[in-house]
PDB file of N, CA and C in Angstrom:
ATOM      1  N   UNK A   1     -79.300 -86.290  29.989  1.00  0.00           N
ATOM      2  CA  UNK A   1     -79.442 -87.156  30.653  1.00  0.00           C
ATOM      3  C   UNK A   1     -79.926 -87.102  31.975  1.00  0.00           C
ATOM      4  N   UNK A   2     -81.004 -87.941  32.631  1.00  0.00           N
ATOM      5  CA  UNK A   2     -81.515 -87.710  33.806  1.00  0.00           C
ATOM      6  C   UNK A   2     -80.147 -88.289  34.868  1.00  0.00           C
ATOM      7  N   UNK A   3     -79.764 -87.763  35.944  1.00  0.00           N
ATOM      8  CA  UNK A   3     -78.602 -88.264  36.762  1.00  0.00           C
ATOM      9  C   UNK A   3     -78.804 -89.843  36.797  1.00  0.00           C
ATOM     10  N   UNK A   4     -80.196 -90.358  37.272  1.00  0.00           N
ATOM     11  CA  UNK A   4     -80.422 -91.757  37.700  1.00  0.00           C
ATOM     12  C   UNK A   4     -80.289 -92.682  36.376  1.00  0.00           C
ATOM     13  N   UNK A   5     -79.959 -91.919  35.212  1.00  0.00           N
ATOM     14  CA  UNK A   5     -79.861 -92.892  34.275  1.00  0.00           C
ATOM     15  C   UNK A   5     -78.773 -93.256  33.818  1.00  0.00           C
ATOM     16  N   UNK A   6     -77.577 -92.922  34.797  1.00  0.00           N
ATOM     17  CA  UNK A   6     -76.149 -93.207  34.633  1.00  0.00           C
ATOM     18  C   UNK A   6     -75.391 -94.540  34.867  1.00  0.00           C
ATOM     19  N   UNK A   7     -76.068 -95.150  35.526  1.00  0.00           N
ATOM     20  CA  UNK A   7     -75.565 -96.374  36.062  1.00  0.00           C
ATOM     21  C   UNK A   7     -75.602 -97.396  34.722  1.00  0.00           C
ATOM     22  N   UNK A   8     -74.128 -98.056  35.302  1.00  0.00           N
ATOM     23  CA  UNK A   8     -73.628 -99.621  34.121  1.00  0.00           C
ATOM     24  C   UNK A   8     -73.575-100.352  35.274  1.00  0.00           C
ATOM     25  N   UNK A   9     -73.894-101.508  34.274  1.00  0.00           N
ATOM     26  CA  UNK A   9     -73.280-103.143  34.770  1.00  0.00           C
ATOM     27  C   UNK A   9     -71.696-103.375  33.992  1.00  0.00           C
ATOM     28  N   UNK A  10     -70.999-103.630  34.806  1.00  0.00           N
ATOM     29  CA  UNK A  10     -69.795-104.146  34.320  1.00  0.00           C
ATOM     30  C   UNK A  10     -69.387-105.208  34.677  1.00  0.00           C
ATOM     31  N   UNK A  11     -68.129-106.035  33.731  1.00  0.00           N
ATOM     32  CA  UNK A  11     -67.877-107.213  34.140  1.00  0.00           C
ATOM     33  C   UNK A  11     -66.107-107.157  34.041  1.00  0.00           C
ATOM     34  N   UNK A  12     -65.792-107.720  35.077  1.00  0.00           N
ATOM     35  CA  UNK A  12     -64.234-107.878  35.119  1.00  0.00           C
ATOM     36  C   UNK A  12     -63.554-108.717  35.074  1.00  0.00           C
ATOM     37  N   UNK A  13     -62.431-109.335  34.515  1.00  0.00           N
ATOM     38  CA  UNK A  13     -62.114-110.737  34.233  1.00  0.00           C
ATOM     39  C   UNK A  13     -60.523-110.509  35.312  1.00  0.00           C
ATOM     40  N   UNK A  14     -60.643-111.292  36.480  1.00  0.00           N
ATOM     41  CA  UNK A  14     -59.700-111.380  37.261  1.00  0.00           C
ATOM     42  C   UNK A  14     -58.478-112.028  37.077  1.00  0.00           C
ATOM     43  N   UNK A  15     -57.701-111.920  37.725  1.00  0.00           N
ATOM     44  CA  UNK A  15     -56.248-112.796  37.699  1.00  0.00           C
ATOM     45  C   UNK A  15     -56.442-114.246  37.354  1.00  0.00           C
ATOM     46  N   UNK A  16     -57.414-114.420  38.639  1.00  0.00           N
ATOM     47  CA  UNK A  16     -57.220-116.023  38.447  1.00  0.00           C
ATOM     48  C   UNK A  16     -58.297-116.644  37.437  1.00  0.00           C
ATOM     49  N   UNK A  17     -58.952-115.693  36.367  1.00  0.00           N
ATOM     50  CA  UNK A  17     -59.584-116.006  35.387  1.00  0.00           C
ATOM     51  C   UNK A  17     -61.297-116.070  35.864  1.00  0.00           C
ATOM     52  N   UNK A  18     -61.396-115.636  37.064  1.00  0.00           N
ATOM     53  CA  UNK A  18     -62.701-115.765  37.404  1.00  0.00           C
ATOM     54  C   UNK A  18     -63.336-114.507  36.682  1.00  0.00           C
ATOM     55  N   UNK A  19     -64.588-114.276  36.958  1.00  0.00           N
ATOM     56  CA  UNK A  19     -65.234-113.119  35.976  1.00  0.00           C
ATOM     57  C   UNK A  19     -66.273-112.390  37.305  1.00  0.00           C
ATOM     58  N   UNK A  20     -66.002-110.840  37.749  1.00  0.00           N
ATOM     59  CA  UNK A  20     -66.557-110.391  38.523  1.00  0.00           C
ATOM     60  C   UNK A  20     -67.711-109.151  37.928  1.00  0.00           C
ATOM     61  N   UNK A  21     -69.041-109.114  38.366  1.00  0.00           N
ATOM     62  CA  UNK A  21     -70.021-108.389  37.819  1.00  0.00           C
ATOM     63  C   UNK A  21     -70.275-107.311  38.755  1.00  0.00           C
ATOM     64  N   UNK A  22     -70.269-106.475  38.713  1.00  0.00           N
ATOM     65  CA  UNK A  22     -70.669-104.950  39.581  1.00  0.00           C
ATOM     66  C   UNK A  22     -71.729-103.868  38.855  1.00  0.00           C
ATOM     67  N   UNK A  23     -72.167-102.930  39.649  1.00  0.00           N
ATOM     68  CA  UNK A  23     -72.432-101.675  39.073  1.00  0.00           C
ATOM     69  C   UNK A  23     -71.877-100.333  39.591  1.00  0.00           C
ATOM     70  N   UNK A  24     -72.141 -99.484  38.884  1.00  0.00           N
ATOM     71  CA  UNK A  24     -71.245 -98.026  39.157  1.00  0.00           C
ATOM     72  C   UNK A  24     -71.974 -97.062  38.557  1.00  0.00           C
ATOM     73  N   UNK A  25     -71.649 -95.927  38.883  1.00  0.00           N
ATOM     74  CA  UNK A  25     -72.058 -94.792  38.167  1.00  0.00           C
ATOM     75  C   UNK A  25     -70.622 -94.042  37.429  1.00  0.00           C
ATOM     76  N   UNK A  26     -69.546 -94.701  37.996  1.00  0.00           N
ATOM     77  CA  UNK A  26     -68.329 -94.254  37.287  1.00  0.00           C
ATOM     78  C   UNK A  26     -67.380 -95.098  37.051  1.00  0.00           C
ATOM     79  N   UNK A  27     -67.195 -95.680  35.771  1.00  0.00           N
ATOM     80  CA  UNK A  27     -66.568 -97.009  35.622  1.00  0.00           C
ATOM     81  C   UNK A  27     -64.971 -96.768  35.806  1.00  0.00           C
ATOM     82  N   UNK A  28     -64.603 -95.542  35.249  1.00  0.00           N
ATOM     83  CA  UNK A  28     -63.041 -95.587  35.285  1.00  0.00           C
ATOM     84  C   UNK A  28     -62.691 -95.742  36.911  1.00  0.00           C
ATOM     85  N   UNK A  29     -63.358 -94.810  37.460  1.00  0.00           N
ATOM     86  CA  UNK A  29     -63.072 -94.522  39.104  1.00  0.00           C
ATOM     87  C   UNK A  29     -62.982 -95.781  39.713  1.00  0.00           C
ATOM     88  N   UNK A  30     -64.347 -96.953  39.340  1.00  0.00           N
ATOM     89  CA  UNK A  30     -64.433 -97.839  39.867  1.00  0.00           C
ATOM     90  C   UNK A  30     -63.319 -98.967  39.466  1.00  0.00           C
ATOM     91  N   UNK A  31     -62.876 -98.910  38.605  1.00  0.00           N
ATOM     92  CA  UNK A  31     -62.034-100.120  37.976  1.00  0.00           C
ATOM     93  C   UNK A  31     -60.654 -99.668  38.677  1.00  0.00           C
ATOM     94  N   UNK A  32     -60.427 -98.199  38.734  1.00  0.00           N
ATOM     95  CA  UNK A  32     -58.587 -97.872  39.433  1.00  0.00           C
ATOM     96  C   UNK A  32     -59.321 -98.440  41.024  1.00  0.00           C
ATOM     97  N   UNK A  33     -60.172 -98.444  41.575  1.00  0.00           N
ATOM     98  CA  UNK A  33     -60.605 -98.523  42.855  1.00  0.00           C
ATOM     99  C   UNK A  33     -60.374-100.149  43.148  1.00  0.00           C
ATOM    100  N   UNK A  34     -61.060-101.020  42.238  1.00  0.00           N
ATOM    101  CA  UNK A  34     -60.615-102.416  41.889  1.00  0.00           C
ATOM    102  C   UNK A  34     -59.168-102.696  42.162  1.00  0.00           C
ATOM    103  N   UNK A  35     -58.372-101.820  41.298  1.00  0.00           N
ATOM    104  CA  UNK A  35     -56.962-102.194  41.148  1.00  0.00           C
ATOM    105  C   UNK A  35     -56.249-102.077  42.098  1.00  0.00           C
ATOM    106  N   UNK A  36     -56.756-101.210  42.916  1.00  0.00           N
ATOM    107  CA  UNK A  36     -55.978-100.684  44.114  1.00  0.00           C
ATOM    108  C   UNK A  36     -56.313-101.486  45.473  1.00  0.00           C
ATOM    109  N   UNK A  37     -57.343-102.624  45.461  1.00  0.00           N
ATOM    110  CA  UNK A  37     -57.967-103.434  46.170  1.00  0.00           C
ATOM    111  C   UNK A  37     -58.893-102.728  47.323  1.00  0.00           C
ATOM    112  N   UNK A  38     -59.264-101.661  46.899  1.00  0.00           N
ATOM    113  CA  UNK A  38     -60.208-101.177  47.821  1.00  0.00           C
ATOM    114  C   UNK A  38     -61.598-100.934  47.405  1.00  0.00           C
ATOM    115  N   UNK A  39     -62.232-101.847  46.128  1.00  0.00           N
ATOM    116  CA  UNK A  39     -63.578-101.855  45.688  1.00  0.00           C
ATOM    117  C   UNK A  39     -64.199-103.213  46.146  1.00  0.00           C
ATOM    118  N   UNK A  40     -63.603-104.081  46.519  1.00  0.00           N
ATOM    119  CA  UNK A  40     -64.351-105.383  46.301  1.00  0.00           C
ATOM    120  C   UNK A  40     -63.443-106.389  47.100  1.00  0.00           C
ATOM    121  N   UNK A  41     -64.054-107.275  48.392  1.00  0.00           N
ATOM    122  CA  UNK A  41     -63.366-107.837  48.810  1.00  0.00           C
ATOM    123  C   UNK A  41     -62.954-108.785  47.791  1.00  0.00           C
ATOM    124  N   UNK A  42     -63.938-109.519  47.373  1.00  0.00           N
ATOM    125  CA  UNK A  42     -63.833-110.499  46.384  1.00  0.00           C
ATOM    126  C   UNK A  42     -62.683-110.072  45.022  1.00  0.00           C
ATOM    127  N   UNK A  43     -62.561-109.024  44.478  1.00  0.00           N
ATOM    128  CA  UNK A  43     -61.414-108.827  43.579  1.00  0.00           C
ATOM    129  C   UNK A  43     -60.030-108.620  44.507  1.00  0.00           C
ATOM    130  N   UNK A  44     -60.382-107.915  45.737  1.00  0.00           N
ATOM    131  CA  UNK A  44     -58.666-107.694  46.445  1.00  0.00           C
ATOM    132  C   UNK A  44     -57.922-108.815  45.987  1.00  0.00           C
ATOM    133  N   UNK A  45     -58.172-109.982  46.346  1.00  0.00           N
ATOM    134  CA  UNK A  45     -57.107-111.324  46.233  1.00  0.00           C
ATOM    135  C   UNK A  45     -57.040-111.714  45.066  1.00  0.00           C
ATOM    136  N   UNK A  46     -57.416-110.941  44.014  1.00  0.00           N
ATOM    137  CA  UNK A  46     -57.543-111.872  42.682  1.00  0.00           C
ATOM    138  C   UNK A  46     -56.881-110.371  41.636  1.00  0.00           C
ATOM    139  N   UNK A  47     -56.288-109.697  42.173  1.00  0.00           N
ATOM    140  CA  UNK A  47     -55.545-108.572  41.204  1.00  0.00           C
ATOM    141  C   UNK A  47     -54.179-108.949  40.250  1.00  0.00           C
ATOM    142  N   UNK A  48     -54.326-108.639  39.066  1.00  0.00           N
ATOM    143  CA  UNK A  48     -55.131-107.238  38.926  1.00  0.00           C
ATOM    144  C   UNK A  48     -56.393-107.370  37.973  1.00  0.00           C
ATOM    145  N   UNK A  49     -57.370-106.616  37.842  1.00  0.00           N
ATOM    146  CA  UNK A  49     -58.680-106.997  36.921  1.00  0.00           C
ATOM    147  C   UNK A  49     -58.741-106.141  35.721  1.00  0.00           C
ATOM    148  N   UNK A  50     -59.256-106.629  34.690  1.00  0.00           N
ATOM    149  CA  UNK A  50     -59.421-106.060  33.516  1.00  0.00           C
ATOM    150  C   UNK A  50     -60.857-106.036  33.086  1.00  0.00           C
ATOM    151  N   UNK A  51     -61.274-104.939  32.481  1.00  0.00           N
ATOM    152  CA  UNK A  51     -62.463-104.643  31.800  1.00  0.00           C
ATOM    153  C   UNK A  51     -62.719-105.550  31.006  1.00  0.00           C
ATOM    154  N   UNK A  52     -63.921-106.497  30.853  1.00  0.00           N
ATOM    155  CA  UNK A  52     -64.517-107.055  29.982  1.00  0.00           C
ATOM    156  C   UNK A  52     -65.672-106.333  28.946  1.00  0.00           C
ATOM    157  N   UNK A  53     -66.504-105.856  29.953  1.00  0.00           N
ATOM    158  CA  UNK A  53     -67.739-105.535  29.191  1.00  0.00           C
ATOM    159  C   UNK A  53     -68.661-104.447  29.764  1.00  0.00           C
ATOM    160  N   UNK A  54     -68.886-103.903  29.667  1.00  0.00           N
ATOM    161  CA  UNK A  54     -70.231-102.574  29.984  1.00  0.00           C
ATOM    162  C   UNK A  54     -71.349-102.425  29.520  1.00  0.00           C
ATOM    163  N   UNK A  55     -72.299-102.118  30.258  1.00  0.00           N
ATOM    164  CA  UNK A  55     -73.710-102.264  29.492  1.00  0.00           C
ATOM    165  C   UNK A  55     -74.005-100.608  29.011  1.00  0.00           C
ATOM    166  N   UNK A  56     -74.964-100.657  28.481  1.00  0.00           N
ATOM    167  CA  UNK A  56     -75.549 -99.263  28.286  1.00  0.00           C
ATOM    168  C   UNK A  56     -75.865 -98.402  29.418  1.00  0.00           C
ATOM    169  N   UNK A  57     -76.095 -97.155  29.342  1.00  0.00           N
ATOM    170  CA  UNK A  57     -76.351 -96.438  30.864  1.00  0.00           C
ATOM    171  C   UNK A  57     -78.000 -96.843  30.865  1.00  0.00           C
ATOM    172  N   UNK A  58     -78.287 -96.982  32.515  1.00  0.00           N
ATOM    173  CA  UNK A  58     -79.534 -97.031  32.895  1.00  0.00           C
ATOM    174  C   UNK A  58     -79.869 -96.648  34.110  1.00  0.00           C
ATOM    175  N   UNK A  59     -81.065 -97.085  34.518  1.00  0.00           N
ATOM    176  CA  UNK A  59     -81.293 -96.135  35.649  1.00  0.00           C
ATOM    177  C   UNK A  59     -81.004 -97.466  37.108  1.00  0.00           C
ATOM    178  N   UNK A  60     -80.880 -96.664  38.075  1.00  0.00           N
ATOM    179  CA  UNK A  60     -79.970 -97.616  39.254  1.00  0.00           C
ATOM    180  C   UNK A  60     -81.189 -98.947  39.277  1.00  0.00           C
ATOM    181  N   UNK A  61     -81.958 -99.135  39.359  1.00  0.00           N
ATOM    182  CA  UNK A  61     -83.096-100.000  39.617  1.00  0.00           C
ATOM    183  C   UNK A  61     -82.864-101.068  38.437  1.00  0.00           C
ATOM    184  N   UNK A  62     -82.602-100.694  37.159  1.00  0.00           N
ATOM    185  CA  UNK A  62     -82.673-101.402  35.901  1.00  0.00           C
ATOM    186  C   UNK A  62     -80.982-102.113  36.108  1.00  0.00           C
ATOM    187  N   UNK A  63     -79.855-101.519  36.359  1.00  0.00           N
ATOM    188  CA  UNK A  63     -78.918-101.913  36.613  1.00  0.00           C
ATOM    189  C   UNK A  63     -78.614-103.067  37.692  1.00  0.00           C
ATOM    190  N   UNK A  64     -79.099-102.849  38.969  1.00  0.00           N
ATOM    191  CA  UNK A  64     -79.298-103.903  40.068  1.00  0.00           C
ATOM    192  C   UNK A  64     -79.933-105.199  39.439  1.00  0.00           C
ATOM    193  N   UNK A  65     -81.322-104.943  38.609  1.00  0.00           N
ATOM    194  CA  UNK A  65     -81.492-105.895  37.949  1.00  0.00           C
ATOM    195  C   UNK A  65     -80.820-107.005  37.237  1.00  0.00           C
ATOM    196  N   UNK A  66     -80.310-106.535  36.337  1.00  0.00           N
ATOM    197  CA  UNK A  66     -79.434-106.877  35.218  1.00  0.00           C
ATOM    198  C   UNK A  66     -78.266-107.447  36.298  1.00  0.00           C
ATOM    199  N   UNK A  67     -77.107-106.876  37.223  1.00  0.00           N
ATOM    200  CA  UNK A  67     -76.408-107.557  37.830  1.00  0.00           C
ATOM    201  C   UNK A  67     -76.876-108.686  38.400  1.00  0.00           C
ATOM    202  N   UNK A  68     -77.895-108.846  38.974  1.00  0.00           N
ATOM    203  CA  UNK A  68     -78.332-109.839  39.956  1.00  0.00           C
ATOM    204  C   UNK A  68     -78.613-111.112  38.627  1.00  0.00           C
ATOM    205  N   UNK A  69     -79.639-110.899  37.572  1.00  0.00           N
ATOM    206  CA  UNK A  69     -79.604-111.702  36.789  1.00  0.00           C
ATOM    207  C   UNK A  69     -78.077-112.283  35.885  1.00  0.00           C
ATOM    208  N   UNK A  70     -77.076-111.224  35.646  1.00  0.00           N
ATOM    209  CA  UNK A  70     -75.972-112.071  35.126  1.00  0.00           C
ATOM    210  C   UNK A  70     -75.062-113.026  36.360  1.00  0.00           C
ATOM    211  N   UNK A  71     -75.323-112.420  37.512  1.00  0.00           N
ATOM    212  CA  UNK A  71     -74.708-113.215  38.500  1.00  0.00           C
ATOM    213  C   UNK A  71     -75.158-114.713  38.760  1.00  0.00           C
ATOM    214  N   UNK A  72     -76.355-115.034  38.165  1.00  0.00           N
ATOM    215  CA  UNK A  72     -77.007-116.170  38.325  1.00  0.00           C
ATOM    216  C   UNK A  72     -76.476-116.986  37.059  1.00  0.00           C
ATOM    217  N   UNK A  73     -75.696-116.513  36.042  1.00  0.00           N
ATOM    218  CA  UNK A  73     -75.696-117.148  34.890  1.00  0.00           C
ATOM    219  C   UNK A  73     -74.379-117.857  34.695  1.00  0.00           C
ATOM    220  N   UNK A  74     -74.206-119.020  33.910  1.00  0.00           N
ATOM    221  CA  UNK A  74     -72.583-119.566  34.087  1.00  0.00           C
ATOM    222  C   UNK A  74     -71.940-118.661  33.612  1.00  0.00           C
ATOM    223  N   UNK A  75     -70.637-118.809  33.742  1.00  0.00           N
ATOM    224  CA  UNK A  75     -69.433-118.035  33.473  1.00  0.00           C
ATOM    225  C   UNK A  75     -69.481-117.679  31.971  1.00  0.00           C
ATOM    226  N   UNK A  76     -69.777-118.890  31.204  1.00  0.00           N
ATOM    227  CA  UNK A  76     -69.814-118.457  29.567  1.00  0.00           C
ATOM    228  C   UNK A  76     -70.716-117.608  29.257  1.00  0.00           C
ATOM    229  N   UNK A  77     -71.974-117.326  29.731  1.00  0.00           N
ATOM    230  CA  UNK A  77     -72.779-116.693  29.314  1.00  0.00           C
ATOM    231  C   UNK A  77     -73.116-115.122  29.819  1.00  0.00           C
ATOM    232  N   UNK A  78     -72.122-114.683  30.561  1.00  0.00           N
ATOM    233  CA  UNK A  78     -72.425-113.445  31.172  1.00  0.00           C
ATOM    234  C   UNK A  78     -72.137-112.387  30.152  1.00  0.00           C
ATOM    235  N   UNK A  79     -70.788-112.145  29.100  1.00  0.00           N
ATOM    236  CA  UNK A  79     -70.618-111.483  28.278  1.00  0.00           C
ATOM    237  C   UNK A  79     -71.835-111.449  27.361  1.00  0.00           C
ATOM    238  N   UNK A  80     -71.946-112.577  27.106  1.00  0.00           N
ATOM    239  CA  UNK A  80     -73.322-112.615  25.926  1.00  0.00           C
ATOM    240  C   UNK A  80     -74.608-111.851  26.732  1.00  0.00           C
ATOM    241  N   UNK A  81     -75.123-111.974  27.845  1.00  0.00           N
ATOM    242  CA  UNK A  81     -76.073-111.569  28.509  1.00  0.00           C
ATOM    243  C   UNK A  81     -75.954-110.022  28.182  1.00  0.00           C
ATOM    244  N   UNK A  82     -74.801-109.463  28.899  1.00  0.00           N
ATOM    245  CA  UNK A  82     -74.321-107.962  28.935  1.00  0.00           C
ATOM    246  C   UNK A  82     -74.743-107.329  27.638  1.00  0.00           C
ATOM    247  N   UNK A  83     -74.192-108.015  26.721  1.00  0.00           N
ATOM    248  CA  UNK A  83     -74.058-107.324  25.377  1.00  0.00           C
ATOM    249  C   UNK A  83     -75.589-107.316  24.593  1.00  0.00           C
ATOM    250  N   UNK A  84     -76.409-108.123  25.126  1.00  0.00           N
ATOM    251  CA  UNK A  84     -77.788-107.901  24.655  1.00  0.00           C
ATOM    252  C   UNK A  84     -78.591-107.159  25.049  1.00  0.00           C
ATOM    253  N   UNK A  85     -78.074-106.603  26.473  1.00  0.00           N
ATOM    254  CA  UNK A  85     -78.985-105.878  27.181  1.00  0.00           C
ATOM    255  C   UNK A  85     -78.803-104.301  26.841  1.00  0.00           C
TER     256      UNK A  85
END
């Protein structure tokens, strides 16, 4: 698999029940960073976070477009949208 095809979009459930959407190449490392409070200003004050869903592997451009699309959706439709991609 090409290195550019290793990007994923992920959804996290924060402690305050909000959903965070992000992209990464290493999901395990990124979740650990979120839970240490060093990955995102948004999640830093909403710890701990729990992984809700992860997309299939895609290239960086596809992942960033999907992230933007999901961020615009209402909370109830985010997981469903990620599963369809």
